[in-house]
Amino acid sequence: MENTVQFVQWLRSVAPYIHAFRGKTFVVAFPGELVSAGALPVLAQDLSLLHALGIKVVVVHGSRPQVQEQLALRNVEPRFHNGLRITDGAALECAKEAAGELRLDIEAAFSQGLPNTPMAHSAIRIISGNFVTARPIGVIDGVDLEFTGLARKIAAETIHPILAAGGLVLLSPLGFSPTGETFNLAMEDVAVEAAIALRADKLIFITETPMMTTIDDKEIRELTAGQADVLLKAKHLPPDTAYYLQSCLKASRSGVPRVHIVPYATDGSALLETFTHDGVGTMVSSENLEILREATIEDVGGIIKLIEPLEADGTLVKRGRELIEREIDYFSVMEHDGVIFGCAALYPFPAEKMAEMACLTVNPEVQAQGDGERILKHMENRARAAGFSRLFVLTTRTSHWFIKRGFVPATVDDLPKDRQHMYNWQRKSLVLIKTL
C-alpha cells in the first residue's frame, strides 16, 4: 500500500513538468566515454521516455575514446595543440570509423523493444544525415589543425519536420563542407550550435564529470550566465568541467534558456534533472529561475494542480476553476523553471485597511526550502503597497507557522465586518493578525 501511495505522489509531482515540456525541443549530448562505460542502453531508454512524453529529442554523441582506440589499432600517434586534436588524413579515417560504429550502436540501442522494459512498444525512429555544415579551424599559432573543424550551420529547416513527425535526430561529431570535405568536430560545439539553430528549450550535457562544486566543495545546482562567467574566471574547476561550462555559457548567451551538465554516473540522470525540482546536476540559465509574481489567467491550471491535494484533505477550502478564474488578480505565484511551485491570494477589505491572505500553498517536494516564507514576504509587501496596515489569515492546521512569523491570535470579532459574515463556523478556523 505504501508503495502505491508513493507512486501516486510521485506521478502527481512530475505532472507539472510533463505539461510544461510537452512539445518542447531538447538537445541531449553525451561523450564517447558514456558508451565505453556501458551506459548507452539505459540512456536510450530514458530518452525514449522523454520522447514518449511528447518532448522532441535531438541526440549528439562524442567519440574521443573511440577515436583513440582506432588510432592505437593503426599505430598512429595522436597529436594535439592547445587541447585540440590535429586531425590529419589518418586521424580523420579513425574519426569516421569511430563515428560509424557509434552511429550503429546508438541506432541499435534505440531499436530495443523487449517486454517489461521502458522501450516496449516504443518503435522509435532515429534519423541521421548530413545535417552539419562545417569549416576548418585552420592555422593556430603556426600549427595547421588540418581536418579539425567547427560547426558552421545546422540544417534546422530539415531537422524540425523530422521532429514534428515523431522522429529522433542523431548528430555525429563530423561535419561536411560545401566542397565535399569531412571535418572532425567537438561534440560540445555541435551540441551548442544545434541547440542555438533549433531554438531548443534545453541543452543537456550528460557527462563523465561529477557534480560541479565551489572552491569550498559546496554543490552548484543553478547558475545564471553571469555567475557562470565569474566561476570560470576563478579557474578552480577541473579542465573538463570548465570546458563543459564554457559551452553552457555560449549556448545560454546565444538564447538557449536552460543548459544542464549532469553526470552519467547517476542512474537516470537525464530524467532526474528534467523531472525533479533540484535535479542532479548544474543548470545554467540566462536569468534567475525562481520568479515570484502576480498571477495571470494562464496560471489557473497550475494553481488548481497545486491546491487540489490540500482541498481534498480539508486543509484548504475548496475552490472551483470558475472561482479561481474570477479571483486570479488576487493571486501571486512562485514559478521555478516554468512550473508553479507555490501560490497565495490576497483579498482586500479597504474600509478597515485590512487584507486577508489565503490559499498559501507550497509544493510538498520543496517545502523545507523557505519558499513559504518568501511567498509570505511577497504578500506582505503587496499588501503594504496597496495601503493596507494589517494582514490576517484563517487557518486550521498551520497556526504555529504563522505565529513564529509575527502573527498574533485574534477573534472573529477582530475581522472586517464583511469577513465576519462569511466566517465558516463549521471549520472553526483560528484567526491570526499581523500589523504591517
Protein backbone atom coordinates (compact mmCIF):
# COMPACT_ATOMS: atom_id res chain seq x y z
CA MET A 1 0.00 0.00 0.00
CA GLU A 2 2.84 2.38 0.89
CA ASN A 3 4.48 1.82 -2.49
CA THR A 4 1.18 2.57 -4.21
CA VAL A 5 0.82 5.86 -2.33
CA GLN A 6 4.42 6.80 -3.14
CA PHE A 7 3.85 6.05 -6.81
CA VAL A 8 0.73 8.23 -6.95
CA GLN A 9 2.50 11.08 -5.14
CA TRP A 10 5.49 10.81 -7.48
CA LEU A 11 3.28 10.79 -10.57
CA ARG A 12 1.44 13.87 -9.37
CA SER A 13 4.72 15.65 -8.62
CA VAL A 14 6.08 15.15 -12.15
CA ALA A 15 2.83 16.06 -13.91
CA PRO A 16 3.60 19.82 -13.98
CA TYR A 17 6.89 19.10 -15.78
CA ILE A 18 5.18 16.84 -18.30
CA HIS A 19 2.71 19.60 -19.11
CA ALA A 20 5.46 22.22 -19.26
CA PHE A 21 7.78 20.27 -21.56
CA ARG A 22 5.36 18.60 -23.98
CA GLY A 23 6.18 19.80 -27.50
CA LYS A 24 9.49 21.37 -26.41
CA THR A 25 12.83 20.62 -28.07
CA PHE A 26 15.72 19.14 -26.06
CA VAL A 27 19.24 18.67 -27.41
CA VAL A 28 20.91 15.88 -25.40
CA ALA A 29 24.65 15.45 -25.85
CA PHE A 30 26.97 12.82 -24.39
CA PRO A 31 30.65 11.91 -24.77
CA GLY A 32 32.08 8.68 -26.11
CA GLU A 33 33.06 7.84 -22.54
CA LEU A 34 29.40 7.18 -21.76
CA VAL A 35 29.31 4.48 -24.43
CA SER A 36 32.60 2.98 -23.21
CA ALA A 37 31.12 2.83 -19.70
CA GLY A 38 28.21 0.69 -20.97
CA ALA A 39 25.59 3.36 -20.14
CA LEU A 40 24.16 3.72 -23.67
CA PRO A 41 21.25 1.22 -23.39
CA VAL A 42 19.89 2.86 -20.24
CA LEU A 43 20.29 6.36 -21.71
CA ALA A 44 18.39 5.27 -24.81
CA GLN A 45 15.56 4.06 -22.57
CA ASP A 46 15.47 7.37 -20.70
CA LEU A 47 15.49 9.46 -23.88
CA SER A 48 12.78 7.24 -25.33
CA LEU A 49 10.68 8.02 -22.27
CA LEU A 50 11.18 11.76 -22.88
CA HIS A 51 10.08 11.18 -26.46
CA ALA A 52 7.00 9.25 -25.31
CA LEU A 53 6.04 12.22 -23.11
CA GLY A 54 5.92 14.48 -26.15
CA ILE A 55 9.39 16.01 -25.97
CA LYS A 56 11.28 16.44 -29.26
CA VAL A 57 14.76 14.98 -28.82
CA VAL A 58 17.96 15.65 -30.77
CA VAL A 59 20.87 13.41 -29.78
CA VAL A 60 24.52 14.44 -30.20
CA HIS A 61 27.30 11.95 -29.46
CA GLY A 62 31.02 12.31 -28.91
CA SER A 63 33.72 9.85 -29.92
CA ARG A 64 37.05 10.78 -28.30
CA PRO A 65 37.89 7.40 -26.67
CA GLN A 66 36.67 5.52 -29.75
CA VAL A 67 38.95 7.64 -31.98
CA GLN A 68 41.81 6.92 -29.59
CA GLU A 69 41.12 3.19 -29.94
CA GLN A 70 41.15 3.42 -33.73
CA LEU A 71 44.42 5.37 -33.67
CA ALA A 72 46.00 2.73 -31.39
CA LEU A 73 44.82 -0.10 -33.68
CA ARG A 74 46.51 1.63 -36.63
CA ASN A 75 49.63 2.56 -34.64
CA VAL A 76 49.01 6.26 -35.31
CA GLU A 77 50.35 8.66 -32.70
CA PRO A 78 47.67 11.19 -31.64
CA ARG A 79 48.69 14.85 -31.92
CA PHE A 80 47.19 17.82 -30.07
CA HIS A 81 47.69 21.58 -29.95
CA ASN A 82 46.22 23.66 -27.10
CA GLY A 83 43.90 20.76 -26.26
CA LEU A 84 42.60 20.42 -29.83
CA ARG A 85 43.21 17.28 -31.85
CA ILE A 86 45.25 17.77 -35.01
CA THR A 87 43.24 15.72 -37.49
CA ASP A 88 45.47 14.61 -40.36
CA GLY A 89 44.31 12.17 -43.03
CA ALA A 90 44.92 9.09 -40.88
CA ALA A 91 43.21 10.59 -37.82
CA LEU A 92 40.23 11.58 -39.97
CA GLU A 93 39.79 7.99 -41.12
CA CYS A 94 39.84 6.92 -37.48
CA ALA A 95 37.21 9.56 -36.64
CA LYS A 96 35.00 8.30 -39.49
CA GLU A 97 35.40 4.71 -38.35
CA ALA A 98 34.56 5.60 -34.73
CA ALA A 99 31.53 7.72 -35.72
CA GLY A 100 30.20 4.96 -37.98
CA GLU A 101 30.42 2.31 -35.28
CA LEU A 102 28.85 4.61 -32.69
CA ARG A 103 26.00 5.51 -35.01
CA LEU A 104 25.17 1.81 -35.43
CA ASP A 105 25.42 1.21 -31.66
CA ILE A 106 23.10 4.16 -30.97
CA GLU A 107 20.58 3.07 -33.61
CA ALA A 108 20.63 -0.43 -32.11
CA ALA A 109 20.08 0.96 -28.59
CA PHE A 110 17.01 2.91 -29.77
CA SER A 111 15.69 -0.21 -31.51
CA GLN A 112 15.25 -2.11 -28.24
CA GLY A 113 11.75 -3.41 -27.73
CA LEU A 114 11.87 -6.09 -25.08
CA PRO A 115 8.73 -6.59 -22.99
CA ASN A 116 8.81 -5.20 -19.43
CA THR A 117 11.35 -2.51 -20.35
CA PRO A 118 10.81 1.23 -20.97
CA MET A 119 11.37 0.55 -24.69
CA ALA A 120 8.44 -1.85 -25.07
CA HIS A 121 6.06 -0.69 -27.84
CA SER A 122 8.25 2.37 -28.49
CA ALA A 123 9.00 1.85 -32.24
CA ILE A 124 11.27 4.91 -32.25
CA ARG A 125 12.93 6.01 -35.48
CA ILE A 126 16.26 7.80 -35.09
CA ILE A 127 17.44 9.63 -38.19
CA SER A 128 20.91 10.92 -39.06
CA GLY A 129 22.36 12.58 -42.14
CA ASN A 130 24.44 15.43 -43.45
CA PHE A 131 22.81 17.97 -41.15
CA VAL A 132 26.03 19.71 -40.05
CA THR A 133 27.92 22.05 -42.35
CA ALA A 134 31.48 22.61 -41.13
CA ARG A 135 34.57 24.66 -41.83
CA PRO A 136 38.23 24.10 -40.92
CA ILE A 137 39.61 25.75 -37.79
CA GLY A 138 42.71 26.49 -39.82
CA VAL A 139 46.12 27.50 -38.50
CA ILE A 140 46.54 28.43 -34.82
CA ASP A 141 49.90 29.70 -33.51
CA GLY A 142 51.50 28.47 -36.71
CA VAL A 143 50.06 24.95 -36.35
CA ASP A 144 47.71 23.68 -39.06
CA LEU A 145 44.90 21.67 -37.43
CA GLU A 146 44.13 20.19 -40.88
CA PHE A 147 40.75 18.38 -40.80
CA THR A 148 39.76 19.62 -37.34
CA GLY A 149 36.77 21.88 -37.83
CA LEU A 150 33.95 23.93 -36.38
CA ALA A 151 30.23 23.61 -36.94
CA ARG A 152 29.19 26.37 -39.33
CA LYS A 153 25.49 25.66 -39.87
CA ILE A 154 22.90 23.17 -38.63
CA ALA A 155 20.14 22.19 -41.09
CA ALA A 156 17.32 23.29 -38.78
CA GLU A 157 14.88 23.53 -41.69
CA THR A 158 15.37 19.79 -42.30
CA ILE A 159 15.50 18.71 -38.66
CA HIS A 160 12.30 20.43 -37.50
CA PRO A 161 9.98 18.43 -39.81
CA ILE A 162 11.63 15.17 -38.68
CA LEU A 163 10.99 16.05 -35.04
CA ALA A 164 7.43 17.14 -35.83
CA ALA A 165 6.79 13.76 -37.50
CA GLY A 166 7.84 11.91 -34.33
CA GLY A 167 11.43 11.01 -35.18
CA LEU A 168 14.59 11.50 -33.15
CA VAL A 169 17.56 13.12 -34.84
CA LEU A 170 21.15 11.93 -34.34
CA LEU A 171 24.10 14.27 -34.94
CA SER A 172 27.66 12.94 -35.05
CA PRO A 173 30.84 14.94 -34.35
CA LEU A 174 31.53 15.13 -38.08
CA GLY A 175 30.63 17.92 -40.47
CA PHE A 176 30.82 18.46 -44.19
CA SER A 177 31.91 21.44 -46.26
CA PRO A 178 30.24 22.67 -49.46
CA THR A 179 33.33 21.37 -51.29
CA GLY A 180 32.67 17.82 -50.06
CA GLU A 181 35.34 17.63 -47.34
CA THR A 182 34.74 15.97 -43.98
CA PHE A 183 35.84 17.62 -40.73
CA ASN A 184 36.31 16.25 -37.23
CA LEU A 185 34.30 18.35 -34.75
CA ALA A 186 33.94 18.59 -31.00
CA MET A 187 30.72 17.11 -29.66
CA GLU A 188 30.22 20.18 -27.46
CA ASP A 189 30.50 22.51 -30.46
CA VAL A 190 27.91 20.53 -32.47
CA ALA A 191 25.53 20.38 -29.49
CA VAL A 192 25.72 24.11 -28.78
CA GLU A 193 25.25 25.09 -32.43
CA ALA A 194 22.35 22.64 -32.78
CA ALA A 195 20.62 23.99 -29.68
CA ILE A 196 21.01 27.57 -30.94
CA ALA A 197 19.88 26.82 -34.50
CA LEU A 198 16.88 24.74 -33.39
CA ARG A 199 15.93 27.26 -30.70
CA ALA A 200 15.94 24.39 -28.25
CA ASP A 201 14.29 24.80 -24.87
CA LYS A 202 17.02 22.77 -23.17
CA LEU A 203 20.54 21.61 -23.90
CA ILE A 204 21.60 18.74 -21.64
CA PHE A 205 25.19 17.52 -21.45
CA ILE A 206 25.32 14.04 -19.90
CA THR A 207 28.96 13.92 -18.92
CA GLU A 208 31.76 11.98 -17.33
CA THR A 209 32.31 14.85 -14.86
CA PRO A 210 30.93 14.75 -11.28
CA MET A 211 28.60 17.35 -9.78
CA MET A 212 30.10 20.83 -10.08
CA THR A 213 31.26 22.32 -6.77
CA THR A 214 32.57 25.61 -5.43
CA ILE A 215 36.12 26.03 -4.19
CA ASP A 216 34.90 25.01 -0.69
CA ASP A 217 33.16 21.88 -2.05
CA LYS A 218 29.56 23.11 -1.98
CA GLU A 219 27.37 21.70 -4.74
CA ILE A 220 26.41 24.11 -7.51
CA ARG A 221 22.85 23.39 -8.61
CA GLU A 222 21.98 26.56 -10.51
CA LEU A 223 23.90 29.41 -12.11
CA THR A 224 22.96 32.45 -14.11
CA ALA A 225 25.14 33.16 -17.13
CA GLY A 226 26.82 35.95 -15.17
CA GLN A 227 27.61 33.65 -12.25
CA ALA A 228 28.99 31.01 -14.64
CA ASP A 229 31.33 33.62 -16.12
CA VAL A 230 32.61 34.54 -12.67
CA LEU A 231 33.11 30.86 -11.79
CA LEU A 232 35.13 30.26 -14.95
CA LYS A 233 37.34 33.28 -14.27
CA ALA A 234 38.10 31.90 -10.79
CA LYS A 235 39.83 28.98 -12.57
CA HIS A 236 39.33 26.41 -9.82
CA LEU A 237 37.22 23.98 -11.88
CA PRO A 238 38.81 20.84 -13.37
CA PRO A 239 39.63 21.33 -17.09
CA ASP A 240 36.89 19.00 -18.40
CA THR A 241 34.24 20.63 -16.21
CA ALA A 242 35.39 24.11 -17.22
CA TYR A 243 35.17 23.14 -20.90
CA TYR A 244 31.57 21.96 -20.49
CA LEU A 245 30.70 25.13 -18.57
CA GLN A 246 32.19 27.30 -21.33
CA SER A 247 29.93 25.51 -23.81
CA CYS A 248 26.95 26.08 -21.50
CA LEU A 249 27.77 29.77 -21.25
CA LYS A 250 27.98 30.14 -25.03
CA ALA A 251 24.61 28.43 -25.50
CA SER A 252 22.99 30.48 -22.73
CA ARG A 253 24.23 33.77 -24.14
CA SER A 254 23.02 32.73 -27.59
CA GLY A 255 19.43 32.29 -26.46
CA VAL A 256 19.14 28.73 -25.11
CA PRO A 257 17.01 29.20 -21.96
CA ARG A 258 18.31 26.26 -19.91
CA VAL A 259 21.61 24.38 -20.23
CA HIS A 260 22.43 21.44 -17.95
CA ILE A 261 25.53 19.45 -17.02
CA VAL A 262 24.60 16.13 -15.40
CA PRO A 263 26.81 13.13 -14.52
CA TYR A 264 26.03 9.85 -16.31
CA ALA A 265 27.33 8.01 -13.24
CA THR A 266 23.93 8.79 -11.64
CA ASP A 267 21.36 6.31 -12.91
CA GLY A 268 18.54 8.10 -14.73
CA SER A 269 20.32 11.46 -14.55
CA ALA A 270 18.52 12.86 -17.61
CA LEU A 271 15.13 12.06 -16.06
CA LEU A 272 16.05 13.28 -12.59
CA GLU A 273 17.37 16.56 -13.99
CA THR A 274 14.24 17.06 -16.09
CA PHE A 275 11.51 15.98 -13.68
CA THR A 276 12.69 16.97 -10.19
CA HIS A 277 12.93 20.40 -8.61
CA ASP A 278 16.63 20.30 -7.70
CA GLY A 279 17.86 17.84 -10.35
CA VAL A 280 21.18 16.02 -10.05
CA GLY A 281 23.44 18.37 -11.96
CA THR A 282 24.14 22.03 -12.62
CA MET A 283 21.79 24.23 -14.63
CA VAL A 284 22.87 27.46 -16.34
CA SER A 285 20.20 29.98 -17.28
CA SER A 286 20.15 33.46 -18.70
CA GLU A 287 18.21 34.71 -15.67
CA ASN A 288 17.19 33.72 -12.16
CA LEU A 289 14.99 30.63 -12.44
CA GLU A 290 12.77 31.36 -9.47
CA ILE A 291 10.16 34.04 -10.05
CA LEU A 292 7.64 35.42 -7.58
CA ARG A 293 4.98 37.37 -9.44
CA GLU A 294 1.32 38.24 -9.62
CA ALA A 295 -0.73 35.53 -11.31
CA THR A 296 -2.33 35.66 -14.75
CA ILE A 297 -5.20 33.69 -16.27
CA GLU A 298 -2.65 31.26 -17.78
CA ASP A 299 -1.68 30.21 -14.25
CA VAL A 300 -5.13 28.88 -13.28
CA GLY A 301 -4.33 25.27 -14.26
CA GLY A 302 -1.07 25.30 -12.30
CA ILE A 303 -2.75 26.75 -9.20
CA ILE A 304 -5.51 24.11 -9.33
CA LYS A 305 -2.99 21.25 -9.53
CA LEU A 306 -1.08 22.73 -6.61
CA ILE A 307 -4.03 23.19 -4.24
CA GLU A 308 -6.16 20.13 -5.17
CA PRO A 309 -4.44 17.72 -2.71
CA LEU A 310 -4.87 20.23 0.15
CA GLU A 311 -8.51 20.76 -0.74
CA ALA A 312 -9.03 17.01 -0.74
CA ASP A 313 -7.66 16.55 2.79
CA GLY A 314 -9.55 19.58 4.15
CA THR A 315 -6.53 21.85 4.72
CA LEU A 316 -7.90 24.39 2.23
CA VAL A 317 -11.43 25.43 1.41
CA LYS A 318 -12.48 24.05 -1.98
CA ARG A 319 -12.37 26.49 -4.88
CA GLY A 320 -13.68 25.65 -8.32
CA ARG A 321 -11.94 26.66 -11.52
CA GLU A 322 -14.52 29.38 -12.21
CA LEU A 323 -13.92 30.98 -8.82
CA ILE A 324 -10.14 30.96 -9.27
CA GLU A 325 -10.50 32.44 -12.75
CA ARG A 326 -12.66 35.25 -11.35
CA GLU A 327 -10.25 35.89 -8.49
CA ILE A 328 -6.98 35.37 -10.37
CA ASP A 329 -5.96 39.03 -9.86
CA TYR A 330 -5.80 38.36 -6.12
CA PHE A 331 -3.26 35.52 -6.56
CA SER A 332 0.51 35.53 -6.65
CA VAL A 333 2.55 32.52 -7.78
CA MET A 334 6.07 31.23 -7.29
CA GLU A 335 7.40 29.79 -10.53
CA HIS A 336 10.56 27.74 -10.96
CA ASP A 337 11.78 26.88 -14.45
CA GLY A 338 8.29 27.41 -15.86
CA VAL A 339 6.47 25.29 -13.24
CA ILE A 340 4.31 26.77 -10.44
CA PHE A 341 5.51 25.59 -7.01
CA GLY A 342 3.71 27.96 -4.70
CA CYS A 343 0.82 30.40 -4.53
CA ALA A 344 -1.18 32.66 -2.24
CA ALA A 345 -4.12 35.03 -2.57
CA LEU A 346 -4.65 38.50 -1.11
CA TYR A 347 -8.27 39.61 -0.58
CA PRO A 348 -8.77 43.33 0.17
CA PHE A 349 -11.00 44.88 2.83
CA PRO A 350 -10.23 48.55 2.21
CA ALA A 351 -12.72 50.03 4.69
CA GLU A 352 -10.70 48.60 7.61
CA LYS A 353 -7.33 48.85 5.78
CA MET A 354 -7.01 45.09 6.20
CA ALA A 355 -6.29 42.26 3.77
CA GLU A 356 -6.74 38.51 4.06
CA MET A 357 -4.01 36.19 2.87
CA ALA A 358 -5.50 32.87 1.83
CA CYS A 359 -4.52 29.73 -0.02
CA LEU A 360 -0.82 29.93 0.91
CA THR A 361 0.50 26.72 -0.62
CA VAL A 362 3.93 25.29 -1.46
CA ASN A 363 4.54 22.04 -3.30
CA PRO A 364 5.42 19.36 -0.68
CA GLU A 365 8.50 18.44 -2.72
CA VAL A 366 10.17 21.76 -1.81
CA GLN A 367 8.55 22.74 1.48
CA ALA A 368 11.76 22.72 3.51
CA GLN A 369 13.50 25.30 1.33
CA GLY A 370 11.93 28.51 2.64
CA ASP A 371 9.59 29.12 -0.29
CA GLY A 372 6.60 29.60 2.03
CA GLU A 373 8.38 32.40 3.86
CA ARG A 374 9.35 34.08 0.58
CA ILE A 375 5.73 33.98 -0.59
CA LEU A 376 4.59 35.41 2.76
CA LYS A 377 7.04 38.33 2.48
CA HIS A 378 5.89 38.93 -1.09
CA MET A 379 2.26 39.07 0.01
CA GLU A 380 3.10 41.38 2.92
CA ASN A 381 4.86 43.74 0.51
CA ARG A 382 1.94 43.54 -1.89
CA ALA A 383 -0.46 44.42 0.97
CA ARG A 384 1.69 47.37 2.09
CA ALA A 385 1.91 48.67 -1.46
CA ALA A 386 -1.90 48.59 -1.67
CA GLY A 387 -2.15 50.71 1.50
CA PHE A 388 -3.21 48.00 4.00
CA SER A 389 -1.93 48.21 7.57
CA ARG A 390 -2.91 44.73 8.80
CA LEU A 391 -2.84 41.25 7.30
CA PHE A 392 -4.93 38.37 8.62
CA VAL A 393 -5.15 34.63 7.96
CA LEU A 394 -7.66 31.95 8.87
CA THR A 395 -6.07 28.56 9.42
CA THR A 396 -6.97 25.18 10.90
CA ARG A 397 -3.53 23.48 10.77
CA THR A 398 -0.65 25.94 10.45
CA SER A 399 -1.20 28.46 13.25
CA HIS A 400 2.25 27.86 14.81
CA TRP A 401 3.97 28.60 11.49
CA PHE A 402 2.25 31.99 11.26
CA ILE A 403 2.75 32.85 14.94
CA LYS A 404 6.52 32.27 14.52
CA ARG A 405 6.39 34.87 11.74
CA GLY A 406 4.78 37.67 13.67
CA PHE A 407 1.05 36.89 13.56
CA VAL A 408 -0.88 37.04 16.82
CA PRO A 409 -4.09 35.20 17.79
CA ALA A 410 -7.32 37.16 17.42
CA THR A 411 -11.06 36.52 17.35
CA VAL A 412 -13.75 36.55 14.69
CA ASP A 413 -14.87 39.94 16.08
CA ASP A 414 -11.48 41.39 15.04
CA LEU A 415 -12.14 40.59 11.38
CA PRO A 416 -13.60 43.11 8.93
CA LYS A 417 -17.39 43.17 9.11
CA ASP A 418 -17.86 41.66 5.65
CA ARG A 419 -15.46 38.83 6.51
CA GLN A 420 -17.25 38.10 9.79
CA HIS A 421 -20.42 37.37 7.83
CA MET A 422 -18.51 34.86 5.65
CA TYR A 423 -16.80 33.05 8.54
CA ASN A 424 -17.35 29.28 8.38
CA TRP A 425 -18.26 28.21 11.92
CA GLN A 426 -18.10 24.52 10.96
CA ARG A 427 -14.37 24.75 10.09
CA LYS A 428 -13.67 26.79 13.26
CA SER A 429 -10.55 28.29 11.73
CA LEU A 430 -8.19 30.18 14.03
CA VAL A 431 -7.87 33.89 13.33
CA LEU A 432 -4.35 35.37 13.24
CA ILE A 433 -3.49 39.02 12.51
CA LYS A 434 -0.19 40.77 11.76
CA THR A 435 0.42 44.52 11.80
CA LEU A 436 2.41 45.51 8.74
